Structure formats: structure tokens, C-alpha cells
C-alpha atoms as a PDB file:
ATOM      1  CA  MET A   1       0.064   0.029   0.257  1.00  0.00           C
ATOM      2  CA  PRO A   2       1.471   3.636  -0.848  1.00  0.00           C
ATOM      3  CA  THR A   3       2.484   5.529   1.899  1.00  0.00           C
ATOM      4  CA  THR A   4       2.607   8.956   0.316  1.00  0.00           C
ATOM      5  CA  PHE A   5      -0.418  11.121   0.747  1.00  0.00           C
ATOM      6  CA  ILE A   6      -1.579  14.726   1.189  1.00  0.00           C
ATOM      7  CA  GLU A   7      -1.337  15.453   4.723  1.00  0.00           C
ATOM      8  CA  HIS A   8      -2.682  19.161   4.361  1.00  0.00           C
ATOM      9  CA  VAL A   9      -3.593  22.000   2.002  1.00  0.00           C
ATOM     10  CA  ASN A  10      -3.098  25.690   2.881  1.00  0.00           C
ATOM     11  CA  LEU A  11      -5.493  27.981   1.998  1.00  0.00           C
ATOM     12  CA  THR A  12      -5.642  31.829   2.630  1.00  0.00           C
ATOM     13  CA  VAL A  13      -9.418  32.836   3.553  1.00  0.00           C
ATOM     14  CA  THR A  14     -11.113  35.659   4.907  1.00  0.00           C
ATOM     15  CA  SER A  15     -12.493  34.248   7.673  1.00  0.00           C
ATOM     16  CA  PRO A  16     -10.585  30.910   9.120  1.00  0.00           C
ATOM     17  CA  ALA A  17     -13.434  30.295  11.741  1.00  0.00           C
ATOM     18  CA  ARG A  18     -16.318  30.548   9.148  1.00  0.00           C
ATOM     19  CA  THR A  19     -14.585  28.063   6.753  1.00  0.00           C
ATOM     20  CA  ALA A  20     -13.453  25.567   9.626  1.00  0.00           C
ATOM     21  CA  ARG A  21     -17.380  25.465  10.549  1.00  0.00           C
ATOM     22  CA  LEU A  22     -18.425  24.740   6.765  1.00  0.00           C
ATOM     23  CA  MET A  23     -15.957  21.818   6.623  1.00  0.00           C
ATOM     24  CA  GLN A  24     -16.967  20.676  10.301  1.00  0.00           C
ATOM     25  CA  HIS A  25     -20.481  20.961   8.812  1.00  0.00           C
ATOM     26  CA  LEU A  26     -19.925  18.906   5.548  1.00  0.00           C
ATOM     27  CA  PHE A  27     -17.463  16.108   6.589  1.00  0.00           C
ATOM     28  CA  GLY A  28     -17.932  15.964  10.297  1.00  0.00           C
ATOM     29  CA  TRP A  29     -14.300  17.316  10.986  1.00  0.00           C
ATOM     30  CA  HIS A  30     -12.881  18.923  14.004  1.00  0.00           C
ATOM     31  CA  VAL A  31     -10.707  21.759  14.734  1.00  0.00           C
ATOM     32  CA  ARG A  32      -7.081  20.204  15.174  1.00  0.00           C
ATOM     33  CA  TRP A  33      -5.161  23.315  16.114  1.00  0.00           C
ATOM     34  CA  GLN A  34      -5.720  27.190  16.034  1.00  0.00           C
ATOM     35  CA  GLY A  35      -3.644  30.434  16.898  1.00  0.00           C
ATOM     36  CA  ALA A  36      -1.443  32.924  15.562  1.00  0.00           C
ATOM     37  CA  ALA A  37       0.423  32.470  12.301  1.00  0.00           C
ATOM     38  CA  ARG A  38       3.012  34.036  10.368  1.00  0.00           C
ATOM     39  CA  ASP A  39       2.999  37.860  10.058  1.00  0.00           C
ATOM     40  CA  GLY A  40       0.534  38.353  12.494  1.00  0.00           C
ATOM     41  CA  GLY A  41      -2.077  36.111  10.814  1.00  0.00           C
ATOM     42  CA  MET A  42      -4.275  33.735  12.251  1.00  0.00           C
ATOM     43  CA  SER A  43      -4.605  30.210  11.279  1.00  0.00           C
ATOM     44  CA  ILE A  44      -7.206  27.313  12.198  1.00  0.00           C
ATOM     45  CA  HIS A  45      -6.110  23.611  11.264  1.00  0.00           C
ATOM     46  CA  VAL A  46      -9.512  21.560  10.644  1.00  0.00           C
ATOM     47  CA  GLY A  47      -9.519  17.929   9.499  1.00  0.00           C
ATOM     48  CA  ASP A  48      -9.391  14.485  10.901  1.00  0.00           C
ATOM     49  CA  ALA A  49      -6.682  12.387  12.408  1.00  0.00           C
ATOM     50  CA  ARG A  50      -4.918  11.790   9.229  1.00  0.00           C
ATOM     51  CA  VAL A  51      -5.472  15.175   7.191  1.00  0.00           C
ATOM     52  CA  TYR A  52      -6.429  18.599   7.305  1.00  0.00           C
ATOM     53  CA  LEU A  53      -7.071  22.259   5.882  1.00  0.00           C
ATOM     54  CA  ALA A  54      -4.934  24.794   7.356  1.00  0.00           C
ATOM     55  CA  LEU A  55      -6.906  27.936   7.005  1.00  0.00           C
ATOM     56  CA  TYR A  56      -4.864  31.035   7.267  1.00  0.00           C
ATOM     57  CA  ALA A  57      -5.780  34.778   7.061  1.00  0.00           C
ATOM     58  CA  PRO A  58      -3.204  37.143   6.971  1.00  0.00           C
ATOM     59  CA  PRO A  59      -3.537  40.698   9.117  1.00  0.00           C
ATOM     60  CA  VAL A  60      -3.728  42.798   6.060  1.00  0.00           C
ATOM     61  CA  GLU A  61      -6.981  42.533   3.567  1.00  0.00           C
ATOM     62  CA  ALA A  62      -5.154  43.032   0.513  1.00  0.00           C
ATOM     63  CA  GLU A  63      -2.856  39.906   0.910  1.00  0.00           C
ATOM     64  CA  ARG A  64      -5.838  37.628   1.062  1.00  0.00           C
ATOM     65  CA  ARG A  65      -6.824  37.321  -2.446  1.00  0.00           C
ATOM     66  CA  TYR A  66      -5.253  35.132  -5.071  1.00  0.00           C
ATOM     67  CA  PRO A  67      -6.895  34.886  -8.578  1.00  0.00           C
ATOM     68  CA  LYS A  68      -8.587  31.776  -9.503  1.00  0.00           C
ATOM     69  CA  GLY A  69      -6.428  29.274 -10.754  1.00  0.00           C
ATOM     70  CA  GLN A  70      -3.324  30.912  -9.556  1.00  0.00           C
ATOM     71  CA  PRO A  71      -1.840  28.614  -8.129  1.00  0.00           C
ATOM     72  CA  LEU A  72      -5.074  26.632  -7.482  1.00  0.00           C
ATOM     73  CA  ASN A  73      -7.739  25.401  -9.229  1.00  0.00           C
ATOM     74  CA  HIS A  74      -9.769  23.279  -6.813  1.00  0.00           C
ATOM     75  CA  VAL A  75      -9.425  20.873  -3.839  1.00  0.00           C
ATOM     76  CA  GLY A  76     -10.880  17.294  -4.145  1.00  0.00           C
ATOM     77  CA  PHE A  77     -12.623  15.401  -1.462  1.00  0.00           C
ATOM     78  CA  VAL A  78     -13.978  11.914  -1.671  1.00  0.00           C
ATOM     79  CA  VAL A  79     -17.101  11.037   0.312  1.00  0.00           C
ATOM     80  CA  ASP A  80     -19.305   8.075   1.153  1.00  0.00           C
ATOM     81  CA  ASP A  81     -22.614   9.857   0.581  1.00  0.00           C
ATOM     82  CA  LEU A  82     -22.146  12.442  -2.295  1.00  0.00           C
ATOM     83  CA  ASP A  83     -26.156  13.337  -1.927  1.00  0.00           C
ATOM     84  CA  ALA A  84     -25.966  14.071   1.736  1.00  0.00           C
ATOM     85  CA  VAL A  85     -22.950  16.143   1.142  1.00  0.00           C
ATOM     86  CA  GLU A  86     -24.592  17.979  -1.689  1.00  0.00           C
ATOM     87  CA  ALA A  87     -27.588  18.506   0.512  1.00  0.00           C
ATOM     88  CA  LYS A  88     -25.163  19.890   3.271  1.00  0.00           C
ATOM     89  CA  VAL A  89     -23.217  22.542   1.085  1.00  0.00           C
ATOM     90  CA  ALA A  90     -26.996  23.727  -0.234  1.00  0.00           C
ATOM     91  CA  ALA A  91     -28.084  24.239   3.274  1.00  0.00           C
ATOM     92  CA  ALA A  92     -24.994  26.483   3.859  1.00  0.00           C
ATOM     93  CA  GLY A  93     -26.421  28.734   1.114  1.00  0.00           C
ATOM     94  CA  LEU A  94     -23.911  27.632  -1.264  1.00  0.00           C
ATOM     95  CA  LYS A  95     -24.667  26.293  -4.873  1.00  0.00           C
ATOM     96  CA  PRO A  96     -23.433  23.018  -6.274  1.00  0.00           C
ATOM     97  CA  PHE A  97     -22.716  22.796  -9.743  1.00  0.00           C
ATOM     98  CA  GLY A  98     -20.756  20.743 -12.576  1.00  0.00           C
ATOM     99  CA  HIS A  99     -22.630  17.484 -11.530  1.00  0.00           C
ATOM    100  CA  ASP A 100     -21.135  14.256 -13.592  1.00  0.00           C
ATOM    101  CA  ASP A 101     -20.932  10.918 -13.312  1.00  0.00           C
ATOM    102  CA  TYR A 102     -17.832   9.275 -15.147  1.00  0.00           C
ATOM    103  CA  GLU A 103     -15.295   6.804 -14.207  1.00  0.00           C
ATOM    104  CA  PRO A 104     -14.137   6.402 -11.463  1.00  0.00           C
ATOM    105  CA  GLY A 105     -17.366   8.292  -9.763  1.00  0.00           C
ATOM    106  CA  ARG A 106     -20.146  10.822  -9.433  1.00  0.00           C
ATOM    107  CA  ARG A 107     -19.071  14.395  -8.743  1.00  0.00           C
ATOM    108  CA  PHE A 108     -20.111  17.815  -8.173  1.00  0.00           C
ATOM    109  CA  TYR A 109     -18.163  21.275  -7.473  1.00  0.00           C
ATOM    110  CA  PHE A 110     -19.129  24.468  -5.546  1.00  0.00           C
ATOM    111  CA  PHE A 111     -17.639  27.383  -4.416  1.00  0.00           C
ATOM    112  CA  ASP A 112     -17.219  28.505  -0.897  1.00  0.00           C
ATOM    113  CA  PHE A 113     -17.636  31.914   0.591  1.00  0.00           C
ATOM    114  CA  ASP A 114     -14.062  33.173  -0.593  1.00  0.00           C
ATOM    115  CA  GLY A 115     -14.501  31.867  -4.257  1.00  0.00           C
ATOM    116  CA  ILE A 116     -12.359  28.896  -3.500  1.00  0.00           C
ATOM    117  CA  GLU A 117     -13.451  26.027  -5.877  1.00  0.00           C
ATOM    118  CA  PHE A 118     -14.097  22.269  -4.230  1.00  0.00           C
ATOM    119  CA  GLU A 119     -14.799  19.094  -6.063  1.00  0.00           C
ATOM    120  CA  ILE A 120     -16.935  16.204  -4.108  1.00  0.00           C
ATOM    121  CA  VAL A 121     -16.586  12.974  -5.414  1.00  0.00           C
ATOM    122  CA  SER A 122     -17.737   9.428  -4.611  1.00  0.00           C
ATOM    123  CA  TYR A 123     -16.812   6.211  -5.705  1.00  0.00           C
ATOM    124  CA  ARG A 124     -19.807   4.430  -4.726  1.00  0.00           C
END
């Protein structure tokens, strides 16, 4: 079995607490750590025992935005119940789009509150 996996992705967001609450709502994750971060910013690590998102907000608003696709297009998550997660995305006031069903699984996308694109896929 391969031992290489992505442990975390570090995303710059406007509100680490809001994004952490969304990830807890969607995936049942928990806050692993939170506190002061580089350059006077703030970070929250939200995930499970193995993987997490590092959600960072710098102290200066102008430093918070990266144009879409530079350097990131989207972050993908595998879930057991695609329909349940889609319902949670909609309940959070976000709009699922790009539904498709091709090998190896069904999927949809959504943009979070900061315009970060996420792909949700199920192989079931």
C-alpha cells in the first residue's frame, strides 16, 4: 500500500473560523489546532486524524486574495454519500454545480464563501 498522501492544504481565506465551521458541517471534521500564525495572521487547522486544511488569514486584507487558478484550481474530497454532502452544501447557502458521472465516480463542485472551488466525488 502506498505511504504517500497529502497531509494538508494551506488556503488563504477571509475568515478561518467560518471556513472551519463549513468543513465541520460538510465532513464531520474537528479543529485540530488554532492560533497565531506568520506575519501576525491567524490559522485554524480543521480535519480528521490524518488530513486537514490549514486555513490562514493574514492581518492585511490586500494580502488575502489570489486569482482563481493561480496557483490553485480546486481541492477535491472523496465522500461516501455524495447526495448527503450536496444537501449540506446547499443548506450552507452555497450552490452546487458541474454535476457529472464518469469513471471512477460521481461528482459535483461548489465555490465557498471566498470563491475557492471544491470538488466532491464519490466512488460508490
